[in-house]
């Protein structure tokens, strides 16, 4: 996970993912295209042989046979965070990259 640990005077700490001003974007390396919607991501993943998986109605998921890899994303693209982006990069190396916006 990426982010910043915030320490409060009362001793409570928490991880703030993507602090203000540190927004991350997912980039499709072969085209240089920034992923700005699930329709764009789905088009690319389908082209790479991934299949849409409908196991959980609350998630936007993809699976690639014969691997056990499953990409699980929140249904709402506005909740698509860097942790989801890095999951995609790990499962599909050399095709996607996460960078600062």
PDB file of N, CA and C in Angstrom:
ATOM      1  N   UNK A   1       0.836  -1.181   0.000  1.00  0.00           N
ATOM      2  CA  UNK A   1       0.000   0.000   0.000  1.00  0.00           C
ATOM      3  C   UNK A   1       0.875   1.237   0.000  1.00  0.00           C
ATOM      4  N   UNK A   2       0.392   2.266  -0.635  1.00  0.00           N
ATOM      5  CA  UNK A   2       1.124   3.518  -0.626  1.00  0.00           C
ATOM      6  C   UNK A   2       0.304   4.551   0.116  1.00  0.00           C
ATOM      7  N   UNK A   3       0.971   5.538   0.606  1.00  0.00           N
ATOM      8  CA  UNK A   3       0.285   6.593   1.324  1.00  0.00           C
ATOM      9  C   UNK A   3       1.206   7.215   2.340  1.00  0.00           C
ATOM     10  N   UNK A   4       0.613   7.955   3.245  1.00  0.00           N
ATOM     11  CA  UNK A   4       1.363   8.656   4.274  1.00  0.00           C
ATOM     12  C   UNK A   4       0.756   8.313   5.629  1.00  0.00           C
ATOM     13  N   UNK A   5       1.630   8.002   6.596  1.00  0.00           N
ATOM     14  CA  UNK A   5       1.165   7.766   7.960  1.00  0.00           C
ATOM     15  C   UNK A   5       0.975   9.117   8.639  1.00  0.00           C
ATOM     16  N   UNK A   6      -0.227   9.338   9.197  1.00  0.00           N
ATOM     17  CA  UNK A   6      -0.540  10.580   9.886  1.00  0.00           C
ATOM     18  C   UNK A   6      -0.565  10.302  11.373  1.00  0.00           C
ATOM     19  N   UNK A   7       0.243  11.053  12.133  1.00  0.00           N
ATOM     20  CA  UNK A   7       0.316  10.913  13.584  1.00  0.00           C
ATOM     21  C   UNK A   7      -0.425  12.084  14.209  1.00  0.00           C
ATOM     22  N   UNK A   8      -1.383  11.772  15.084  1.00  0.00           N
ATOM     23  CA  UNK A   8      -2.150  12.817  15.749  1.00  0.00           C
ATOM     24  C   UNK A   8      -1.620  13.014  17.166  1.00  0.00           C
ATOM     25  N   UNK A   9      -1.859  14.185  17.748  1.00  0.00           N
ATOM     26  CA  UNK A   9      -1.354  14.466  19.094  1.00  0.00           C
ATOM     27  C   UNK A   9      -1.834  13.474  20.159  1.00  0.00           C
ATOM     28  N   UNK A  10      -2.998  12.866  19.961  1.00  0.00           N
ATOM     29  CA  UNK A  10      -3.522  11.926  20.952  1.00  0.00           C
ATOM     30  C   UNK A  10      -2.925  10.522  20.798  1.00  0.00           C
ATOM     31  N   UNK A  11      -1.928  10.383  19.913  1.00  0.00           N
ATOM     32  CA  UNK A  11      -1.252   9.099  19.751  1.00  0.00           C
ATOM     33  C   UNK A  11      -1.855   8.194  18.696  1.00  0.00           C
ATOM     34  N   UNK A  12      -2.963   8.594  18.094  1.00  0.00           N
ATOM     35  CA  UNK A  12      -3.610   7.787  17.061  1.00  0.00           C
ATOM     36  C   UNK A  12      -2.874   7.999  15.742  1.00  0.00           C
ATOM     37  N   UNK A  13      -2.613   6.893  15.038  1.00  0.00           N
ATOM     38  CA  UNK A  13      -1.994   6.992  13.717  1.00  0.00           C
ATOM     39  C   UNK A  13      -2.901   6.328  12.702  1.00  0.00           C
ATOM     40  N   UNK A  14      -2.813   6.790  11.479  1.00  0.00           N
ATOM     41  CA  UNK A  14      -3.598   6.156  10.408  1.00  0.00           C
ATOM     42  C   UNK A  14      -2.882   6.378   9.090  1.00  0.00           C
ATOM     43  N   UNK A  15      -3.139   5.472   8.161  1.00  0.00           N
ATOM     44  CA  UNK A  15      -2.557   5.575   6.822  1.00  0.00           C
ATOM     45  C   UNK A  15      -3.534   6.332   5.936  1.00  0.00           C
ATOM     46  N   UNK A  16      -3.059   7.398   5.340  1.00  0.00           N
ATOM     47  CA  UNK A  16      -3.870   8.162   4.399  1.00  0.00           C
ATOM     48  C   UNK A  16      -3.365   7.819   3.014  1.00  0.00           C
ATOM     49  N   UNK A  17      -4.211   7.116   2.249  1.00  0.00           N
ATOM     50  CA  UNK A  17      -3.816   6.729   0.900  1.00  0.00           C
ATOM     51  C   UNK A  17      -4.036   7.899  -0.037  1.00  0.00           C
ATOM     52  N   UNK A  18      -3.071   8.104  -0.912  1.00  0.00           N
ATOM     53  CA  UNK A  18      -3.127   9.199  -1.882  1.00  0.00           C
ATOM     54  C   UNK A  18      -3.430  10.529  -1.209  1.00  0.00           C
ATOM     55  N   UNK A  19      -2.516  11.038  -0.379  1.00  0.00           N
ATOM     56  CA  UNK A  19      -2.745  12.341   0.251  1.00  0.00           C
ATOM     57  C   UNK A  19      -3.016  13.396  -0.807  1.00  0.00           C
ATOM     58  N   UNK A  20      -3.677  14.487  -0.437  1.00  0.00           N
ATOM     59  CA  UNK A  20      -3.961  15.547  -1.418  1.00  0.00           C
ATOM     60  C   UNK A  20      -2.687  15.967  -2.144  1.00  0.00           C
ATOM     61  N   UNK A  21      -2.804  16.099  -3.442  1.00  0.00           N
ATOM     62  CA  UNK A  21      -1.655  16.499  -4.247  1.00  0.00           C
ATOM     63  C   UNK A  21      -0.784  15.335  -4.689  1.00  0.00           C
ATOM     64  N   UNK A  22      -1.100  14.119  -4.272  1.00  0.00           N
ATOM     65  CA  UNK A  22      -0.288  12.954  -4.644  1.00  0.00           C
ATOM     66  C   UNK A  22      -1.145  11.908  -5.353  1.00  0.00           C
ATOM     67  N   UNK A  23      -1.947  12.347  -6.295  1.00  0.00           N
ATOM     68  CA  UNK A  23      -2.825  11.437  -7.012  1.00  0.00           C
ATOM     69  C   UNK A  23      -2.020  10.571  -7.965  1.00  0.00           C
ATOM     70  N   UNK A  24      -2.380   9.296  -8.020  1.00  0.00           N
ATOM     71  CA  UNK A  24      -1.723   8.337  -8.915  1.00  0.00           C
ATOM     72  C   UNK A  24      -2.652   8.027 -10.082  1.00  0.00           C
ATOM     73  N   UNK A  25      -2.062   7.651 -11.206  1.00  0.00           N
ATOM     74  CA  UNK A  25      -2.834   7.221 -12.368  1.00  0.00           C
ATOM     75  C   UNK A  25      -2.228   5.929 -12.902  1.00  0.00           C
ATOM     76  N   UNK A  26      -3.075   5.116 -13.512  1.00  0.00           N
ATOM     77  CA  UNK A  26      -2.651   3.877 -14.151  1.00  0.00           C
ATOM     78  C   UNK A  26      -2.461   4.161 -15.634  1.00  0.00           C
ATOM     79  N   UNK A  27      -1.290   3.778 -16.155  1.00  0.00           N
ATOM     80  CA  UNK A  27      -0.967   4.049 -17.555  1.00  0.00           C
ATOM     81  C   UNK A  27      -0.754   2.731 -18.288  1.00  0.00           C
ATOM     82  N   UNK A  28      -1.364   2.597 -19.454  1.00  0.00           N
ATOM     83  CA  UNK A  28      -1.160   1.457 -20.339  1.00  0.00           C
ATOM     84  C   UNK A  28       0.100   1.754 -21.150  1.00  0.00           C
ATOM     85  N   UNK A  29       1.183   1.038 -20.859  1.00  0.00           N
ATOM     86  CA  UNK A  29       2.491   1.354 -21.444  1.00  0.00           C
ATOM     87  C   UNK A  29       2.555   1.269 -22.969  1.00  0.00           C
ATOM     88  N   UNK A  30       1.988   0.228 -23.612  1.00  0.00           N
ATOM     89  CA  UNK A  30       2.116   0.152 -25.074  1.00  0.00           C
ATOM     90  C   UNK A  30       1.535   1.359 -25.820  1.00  0.00           C
ATOM     91  N   UNK A  31       0.485   1.967 -25.262  1.00  0.00           N
ATOM     92  CA  UNK A  31      -0.144   3.098 -25.950  1.00  0.00           C
ATOM     93  C   UNK A  31       0.111   4.434 -25.257  1.00  0.00           C
ATOM     94  N   UNK A  32       0.570   4.400 -23.994  1.00  0.00           N
ATOM     95  CA  UNK A  32       0.749   5.625 -23.222  1.00  0.00           C
ATOM     96  C   UNK A  32      -0.560   6.191 -22.704  1.00  0.00           C
ATOM     97  N   UNK A  33      -1.637   5.434 -22.875  1.00  0.00           N
ATOM     98  CA  UNK A  33      -2.969   5.888 -22.489  1.00  0.00           C
ATOM     99  C   UNK A  33      -3.165   5.822 -20.969  1.00  0.00           C
ATOM    100  N   UNK A  34      -3.690   6.895 -20.395  1.00  0.00           N
ATOM    101  CA  UNK A  34      -4.045   6.911 -18.979  1.00  0.00           C
ATOM    102  C   UNK A  34      -5.423   6.292 -18.837  1.00  0.00           C
ATOM    103  N   UNK A  35      -5.550   5.368 -17.905  1.00  0.00           N
ATOM    104  CA  UNK A  35      -6.836   4.696 -17.682  1.00  0.00           C
ATOM    105  C   UNK A  35      -7.738   5.653 -16.913  1.00  0.00           C
ATOM    106  N   UNK A  36      -8.781   6.137 -17.575  1.00  0.00           N
ATOM    107  CA  UNK A  36      -9.671   7.125 -16.980  1.00  0.00           C
ATOM    108  C   UNK A  36     -11.080   6.608 -16.758  1.00  0.00           C
ATOM    109  N   UNK A  37     -11.314   5.338 -17.115  1.00  0.00           N
ATOM    110  CA  UNK A  37     -12.633   4.736 -16.906  1.00  0.00           C
ATOM    111  C   UNK A  37     -12.503   3.217 -16.937  1.00  0.00           C
ATOM    112  N   UNK A  38     -13.503   2.566 -16.370  1.00  0.00           N
ATOM    113  CA  UNK A  38     -13.498   1.106 -16.411  1.00  0.00           C
ATOM    114  C   UNK A  38     -13.722   0.588 -17.823  1.00  0.00           C
ATOM    115  N   UNK A  39     -14.411   1.328 -18.660  1.00  0.00           N
ATOM    116  CA  UNK A  39     -14.616   0.853 -20.039  1.00  0.00           C
ATOM    117  C   UNK A  39     -13.280   0.786 -20.778  1.00  0.00           C
ATOM    118  N   UNK A  40     -12.403   1.755 -20.541  1.00  0.00           N
ATOM    119  CA  UNK A  40     -11.068   1.741 -21.145  1.00  0.00           C
ATOM    120  C   UNK A  40     -10.260   0.564 -20.613  1.00  0.00           C
ATOM    121  N   UNK A  41     -10.279   0.383 -19.299  1.00  0.00           N
ATOM    122  CA  UNK A  41      -9.543  -0.720 -18.684  1.00  0.00           C
ATOM    123  C   UNK A  41     -10.078  -2.061 -19.168  1.00  0.00           C
ATOM    124  N   UNK A  42     -11.394  -2.200 -19.240  1.00  0.00           N
ATOM    125  CA  UNK A  42     -11.996  -3.458 -19.680  1.00  0.00           C
ATOM    126  C   UNK A  42     -11.589  -3.784 -21.118  1.00  0.00           C
ATOM    127  N   UNK A  43     -11.595  -2.790 -21.991  1.00  0.00           N
ATOM    128  CA  UNK A  43     -11.206  -3.002 -23.391  1.00  0.00           C
ATOM    129  C   UNK A  43      -9.777  -3.548 -23.470  1.00  0.00           C
ATOM    130  N   UNK A  44      -8.880  -2.973 -22.688  1.00  0.00           N
ATOM    131  CA  UNK A  44      -7.481  -3.411 -22.707  1.00  0.00           C
ATOM    132  C   UNK A  44      -7.334  -4.804 -22.119  1.00  0.00           C
ATOM    133  N   UNK A  45      -7.989  -5.049 -20.973  1.00  0.00           N
ATOM    134  CA  UNK A  45      -7.880  -6.361 -20.332  1.00  0.00           C
ATOM    135  C   UNK A  45      -8.455  -7.470 -21.216  1.00  0.00           C
ATOM    136  N   UNK A  46      -9.586  -7.213 -21.848  1.00  0.00           N
ATOM    137  CA  UNK A  46     -10.169  -8.223 -22.747  1.00  0.00           C
ATOM    138  C   UNK A  46      -9.212  -8.511 -23.905  1.00  0.00           C
ATOM    139  N   UNK A  47      -8.558  -7.478 -24.408  1.00  0.00           N
ATOM    140  CA  UNK A  47      -7.587  -7.652 -25.485  1.00  0.00           C
ATOM    141  C   UNK A  47      -6.361  -8.455 -25.066  1.00  0.00           C
ATOM    142  N   UNK A  48      -6.089  -8.487 -23.756  1.00  0.00           N
ATOM    143  CA  UNK A  48      -4.956  -9.251 -23.225  1.00  0.00           C
ATOM    144  C   UNK A  48      -5.357 -10.669 -22.807  1.00  0.00           C
ATOM    145  N   UNK A  49      -6.616 -11.038 -23.064  1.00  0.00           N
ATOM    146  CA  UNK A  49      -7.064 -12.391 -22.756  1.00  0.00           C
ATOM    147  C   UNK A  49      -7.729 -12.557 -21.396  1.00  0.00           C
ATOM    148  N   UNK A  50      -7.934 -11.464 -20.676  1.00  0.00           N
ATOM    149  CA  UNK A  50      -8.653 -11.542 -19.400  1.00  0.00           C
ATOM    150  C   UNK A  50     -10.142 -11.607 -19.695  1.00  0.00           C
ATOM    151  N   UNK A  51     -10.889 -12.257 -18.813  1.00  0.00           N
ATOM    152  CA  UNK A  51     -12.333 -12.391 -18.978  1.00  0.00           C
ATOM    153  C   UNK A  51     -13.028 -11.720 -17.804  1.00  0.00           C
ATOM    154  N   UNK A  52     -14.165 -11.130 -18.092  1.00  0.00           N
ATOM    155  CA  UNK A  52     -14.964 -10.522 -17.023  1.00  0.00           C
ATOM    156  C   UNK A  52     -15.493 -11.642 -16.138  1.00  0.00           C
ATOM    157  N   UNK A  53     -15.406 -11.455 -14.837  1.00  0.00           N
ATOM    158  CA  UNK A  53     -15.858 -12.434 -13.846  1.00  0.00           C
ATOM    159  C   UNK A  53     -16.996 -11.803 -13.063  1.00  0.00           C
ATOM    160  N   UNK A  54     -18.115 -12.521 -12.963  1.00  0.00           N
ATOM    161  CA  UNK A  54     -19.307 -11.965 -12.319  1.00  0.00           C
ATOM    162  C   UNK A  54     -19.614 -12.648 -10.987  1.00  0.00           C
ATOM    163  N   UNK A  55     -18.582 -13.020 -10.219  1.00  0.00           N
ATOM    164  CA  UNK A  55     -18.765 -13.736  -8.963  1.00  0.00           C
ATOM    165  C   UNK A  55     -19.332 -12.901  -7.829  1.00  0.00           C
ATOM    166  N   UNK A  56     -19.093 -11.602  -7.836  1.00  0.00           N
ATOM    167  CA  UNK A  56     -19.553 -10.716  -6.765  1.00  0.00           C
ATOM    168  C   UNK A  56     -20.174  -9.473  -7.396  1.00  0.00           C
ATOM    169  N   UNK A  57     -21.460  -9.242  -7.174  1.00  0.00           N
ATOM    170  CA  UNK A  57     -22.124  -8.101  -7.819  1.00  0.00           C
ATOM    171  C   UNK A  57     -21.621  -6.734  -7.339  1.00  0.00           C
ATOM    172  N   UNK A  58     -20.900  -6.709  -6.217  1.00  0.00           N
ATOM    173  CA  UNK A  58     -20.398  -5.444  -5.687  1.00  0.00           C
ATOM    174  C   UNK A  58     -19.013  -5.088  -6.220  1.00  0.00           C
ATOM    175  N   UNK A  59     -18.443  -5.974  -7.040  1.00  0.00           N
ATOM    176  CA  UNK A  59     -17.093  -5.754  -7.544  1.00  0.00           C
ATOM    177  C   UNK A  59     -17.047  -5.846  -9.064  1.00  0.00           C
ATOM    178  N   UNK A  60     -16.081  -5.182  -9.637  1.00  0.00           N
ATOM    179  CA  UNK A  60     -15.770  -5.237 -11.066  1.00  0.00           C
ATOM    180  C   UNK A  60     -14.540  -6.135 -11.147  1.00  0.00           C
ATOM    181  N   UNK A  61     -14.704  -7.376 -11.668  1.00  0.00           N
ATOM    182  CA  UNK A  61     -13.633  -8.367 -11.582  1.00  0.00           C
ATOM    183  C   UNK A  61     -13.266  -8.967 -12.931  1.00  0.00           C
ATOM    184  N   UNK A  62     -11.989  -9.393 -13.008  1.00  0.00           N
ATOM    185  CA  UNK A  62     -11.468 -10.053 -14.200  1.00  0.00           C
ATOM    186  C   UNK A  62     -10.627 -11.247 -13.797  1.00  0.00           C
ATOM    187  N   UNK A  63     -10.663 -12.290 -14.624  1.00  0.00           N
ATOM    188  CA  UNK A  63      -9.896 -13.507 -14.390  1.00  0.00           C
ATOM    189  C   UNK A  63      -9.245 -13.911 -15.697  1.00  0.00           C
ATOM    190  N   UNK A  64      -8.049 -14.521 -15.578  1.00  0.00           N
ATOM    191  CA  UNK A  64      -7.382 -15.022 -16.785  1.00  0.00           C
ATOM    192  C   UNK A  64      -7.049 -16.488 -16.568  1.00  0.00           C
ATOM    193  N   UNK A  65      -7.613 -17.344 -17.413  1.00  0.00           N
ATOM    194  CA  UNK A  65      -7.329 -18.779 -17.336  1.00  0.00           C
ATOM    195  C   UNK A  65      -5.973 -19.049 -17.946  1.00  0.00           C
ATOM    196  N   UNK A  66      -5.232 -19.987 -17.502  1.00  0.00           N
ATOM    197  CA  UNK A  66      -5.476 -20.930 -16.419  1.00  0.00           C
ATOM    198  C   UNK A  66      -4.957 -20.449 -15.069  1.00  0.00           C
ATOM    199  N   UNK A  67      -4.544 -19.195 -14.973  1.00  0.00           N
ATOM    200  CA  UNK A  67      -3.988 -18.701 -13.718  1.00  0.00           C
ATOM    201  C   UNK A  67      -5.071 -18.585 -12.644  1.00  0.00           C
ATOM    202  N   UNK A  68      -4.638 -18.380 -11.442  1.00  0.00           N
ATOM    203  CA  UNK A  68      -5.561 -18.161 -10.327  1.00  0.00           C
ATOM    204  C   UNK A  68      -5.736 -16.679 -10.047  1.00  0.00           C
ATOM    205  N   UNK A  69      -5.128 -15.854 -10.882  1.00  0.00           N
ATOM    206  CA  UNK A  69      -5.196 -14.415 -10.664  1.00  0.00           C
ATOM    207  C   UNK A  69      -6.609 -13.892 -10.862  1.00  0.00           C
ATOM    208  N   UNK A  70      -7.001 -13.016  -9.960  1.00  0.00           N
ATOM    209  CA  UNK A  70      -8.297 -12.356 -10.034  1.00  0.00           C
ATOM    210  C   UNK A  70      -8.061 -10.884  -9.722  1.00  0.00           C
ATOM    211  N   UNK A  71      -8.489 -10.031 -10.618  1.00  0.00           N
ATOM    212  CA  UNK A  71      -8.410  -8.591 -10.388  1.00  0.00           C
ATOM    213  C   UNK A  71      -9.772  -8.164  -9.864  1.00  0.00           C
ATOM    214  N   UNK A  72      -9.806  -7.640  -8.653  1.00  0.00           N
ATOM    215  CA  UNK A  72     -11.053  -7.192  -8.023  1.00  0.00           C
ATOM    216  C   UNK A  72     -10.980  -5.701  -7.768  1.00  0.00           C
ATOM    217  N   UNK A  73     -11.941  -4.982  -8.318  1.00  0.00           N
ATOM    218  CA  UNK A  73     -11.981  -3.530  -8.223  1.00  0.00           C
ATOM    219  C   UNK A  73     -13.343  -3.085  -7.700  1.00  0.00           C
ATOM    220  N   UNK A  74     -13.407  -1.930  -7.040  1.00  0.00           N
ATOM    221  CA  UNK A  74     -14.717  -1.426  -6.612  1.00  0.00           C
ATOM    222  C   UNK A  74     -15.568  -1.094  -7.834  1.00  0.00           C
ATOM    223  N   UNK A  75     -16.879  -1.307  -7.742  1.00  0.00           N
ATOM    224  CA  UNK A  75     -17.770  -1.008  -8.866  1.00  0.00           C
ATOM    225  C   UNK A  75     -17.697   0.454  -9.304  1.00  0.00           C
ATOM    226  N   UNK A  76     -17.493   1.343  -8.366  1.00  0.00           N
ATOM    227  CA  UNK A  76     -17.466   2.774  -8.622  1.00  0.00           C
ATOM    228  C   UNK A  76     -16.038   3.202  -8.971  1.00  0.00           C
ATOM    229  N   UNK A  77     -15.814   3.692 -10.191  1.00  0.00           N
ATOM    230  CA  UNK A  77     -14.474   4.072 -10.632  1.00  0.00           C
ATOM    231  C   UNK A  77     -13.877   5.169  -9.754  1.00  0.00           C
ATOM    232  N   UNK A  78     -14.707   5.999  -9.139  1.00  0.00           N
ATOM    233  CA  UNK A  78     -14.170   7.061  -8.275  1.00  0.00           C
ATOM    234  C   UNK A  78     -13.489   6.486  -7.034  1.00  0.00           C
ATOM    235  N   UNK A  79     -13.721   5.210  -6.734  1.00  0.00           N
ATOM    236  CA  UNK A  79     -13.094   4.543  -5.592  1.00  0.00           C
ATOM    237  C   UNK A  79     -11.883   3.701  -6.024  1.00  0.00           C
ATOM    238  N   UNK A  80     -11.501   3.816  -7.272  1.00  0.00           N
ATOM    239  CA  UNK A  80     -10.344   3.122  -7.841  1.00  0.00           C
ATOM    240  C   UNK A  80      -9.088   3.830  -7.336  1.00  0.00           C
ATOM    241  N   UNK A  81      -8.377   3.202  -6.400  1.00  0.00           N
ATOM    242  CA  UNK A  81      -7.238   3.815  -5.717  1.00  0.00           C
ATOM    243  C   UNK A  81      -5.921   3.176  -6.156  1.00  0.00           C
ATOM    244  N   UNK A  82      -4.832   3.729  -5.661  1.00  0.00           N
ATOM    245  CA  UNK A  82      -3.516   3.234  -6.048  1.00  0.00           C
ATOM    246  C   UNK A  82      -3.305   1.776  -5.665  1.00  0.00           C
ATOM    247  N   UNK A  83      -3.890   1.315  -4.571  1.00  0.00           N
ATOM    248  CA  UNK A  83      -3.731  -0.094  -4.191  1.00  0.00           C
ATOM    249  C   UNK A  83      -4.294  -1.007  -5.279  1.00  0.00           C
ATOM    250  N   UNK A  84      -5.387  -0.616  -5.927  1.00  0.00           N
ATOM    251  CA  UNK A  84      -5.971  -1.390  -7.024  1.00  0.00           C
ATOM    252  C   UNK A  84      -5.066  -1.320  -8.256  1.00  0.00           C
ATOM    253  N   UNK A  85      -4.506  -0.143  -8.492  1.00  0.00           N
ATOM    254  CA  UNK A  85      -3.617   0.030  -9.638  1.00  0.00           C
ATOM    255  C   UNK A  85      -2.375  -0.850  -9.510  1.00  0.00           C
ATOM    256  N   UNK A  86      -1.776  -0.869  -8.310  1.00  0.00           N
ATOM    257  CA  UNK A  86      -0.580  -1.682  -8.106  1.00  0.00           C
ATOM    258  C   UNK A  86      -0.901  -3.172  -8.206  1.00  0.00           C
ATOM    259  N   UNK A  87      -2.104  -3.572  -7.825  1.00  0.00           N
ATOM    260  CA  UNK A  87      -2.519  -4.971  -7.971  1.00  0.00           C
ATOM    261  C   UNK A  87      -2.518  -5.357  -9.452  1.00  0.00           C
ATOM    262  N   UNK A  88      -3.006  -4.472 -10.288  1.00  0.00           N
ATOM    263  CA  UNK A  88      -3.022  -4.723 -11.734  1.00  0.00           C
ATOM    264  C   UNK A  88      -1.591  -4.805 -12.273  1.00  0.00           C
ATOM    265  N   UNK A  89      -0.725  -3.891 -11.835  1.00  0.00           N
ATOM    266  CA  UNK A  89       0.669  -3.879 -12.298  1.00  0.00           C
ATOM    267  C   UNK A  89       1.382  -5.175 -11.922  1.00  0.00           C
ATOM    268  N   UNK A  90       1.133  -5.685 -10.723  1.00  0.00           N
ATOM    269  CA  UNK A  90       1.773  -6.925 -10.274  1.00  0.00           C
ATOM    270  C   UNK A  90       1.280  -8.122 -11.088  1.00  0.00           C
ATOM    271  N   UNK A  91      -0.014  -8.140 -11.398  1.00  0.00           N
ATOM    272  CA  UNK A  91      -0.589  -9.281 -12.122  1.00  0.00           C
ATOM    273  C   UNK A  91      -0.357  -9.207 -13.626  1.00  0.00           C
ATOM    274  N   UNK A  92      -0.084  -8.014 -14.145  1.00  0.00           N
ATOM    275  CA  UNK A  92       0.153  -7.846 -15.583  1.00  0.00           C
ATOM    276  C   UNK A  92       1.407  -6.988 -15.756  1.00  0.00           C
ATOM    277  N   UNK A  93       2.577  -7.553 -15.450  1.00  0.00           N
ATOM    278  CA  UNK A  93       3.813  -6.770 -15.531  1.00  0.00           C
ATOM    279  C   UNK A  93       4.144  -6.351 -16.961  1.00  0.00           C
ATOM    280  N   UNK A  94       4.819  -5.236 -17.082  1.00  0.00           N
ATOM    281  CA  UNK A  94       5.301  -4.682 -18.346  1.00  0.00           C
ATOM    282  C   UNK A  94       4.192  -4.166 -19.267  1.00  0.00           C
ATOM    283  N   UNK A  95       2.969  -4.150 -18.806  1.00  0.00           N
ATOM    284  CA  UNK A  95       1.863  -3.635 -19.617  1.00  0.00           C
ATOM    285  C   UNK A  95       1.284  -2.364 -18.991  1.00  0.00           C
ATOM    286  N   UNK A  96       1.283  -2.314 -17.662  1.00  0.00           N
ATOM    287  CA  UNK A  96       0.748  -1.150 -16.948  1.00  0.00           C
ATOM    288  C   UNK A  96       1.815  -0.576 -16.032  1.00  0.00           C
ATOM    289  N   UNK A  97       1.641   0.700 -15.715  1.00  0.00           N
ATOM    290  CA  UNK A  97       2.562   1.403 -14.820  1.00  0.00           C
ATOM    291  C   UNK A  97       1.739   2.395 -14.004  1.00  0.00           C
ATOM    292  N   UNK A  98       2.099   2.587 -12.732  1.00  0.00           N
ATOM    293  CA  UNK A  98       1.458   3.590 -11.896  1.00  0.00           C
ATOM    294  C   UNK A  98       2.412   4.764 -11.779  1.00  0.00           C
ATOM    295  N   UNK A  99       1.889   5.960 -12.011  1.00  0.00           N
ATOM    296  CA  UNK A  99       2.728   7.147 -11.884  1.00  0.00           C
ATOM    297  C   UNK A  99       1.932   8.276 -11.235  1.00  0.00           C
ATOM    298  N   UNK A 100       2.655   9.297 -10.793  1.00  0.00           N
ATOM    299  CA  UNK A 100       1.999  10.483 -10.236  1.00  0.00           C
ATOM    300  C   UNK A 100       1.305  11.223 -11.352  1.00  0.00           C
ATOM    301  N   UNK A 101       0.165  11.774 -11.019  1.00  0.00           N
ATOM    302  CA  UNK A 101      -0.612  12.540 -11.993  1.00  0.00           C
ATOM    303  C   UNK A 101      -0.046  13.937 -12.134  1.00  0.00           C
TER     304      UNK A 101
END
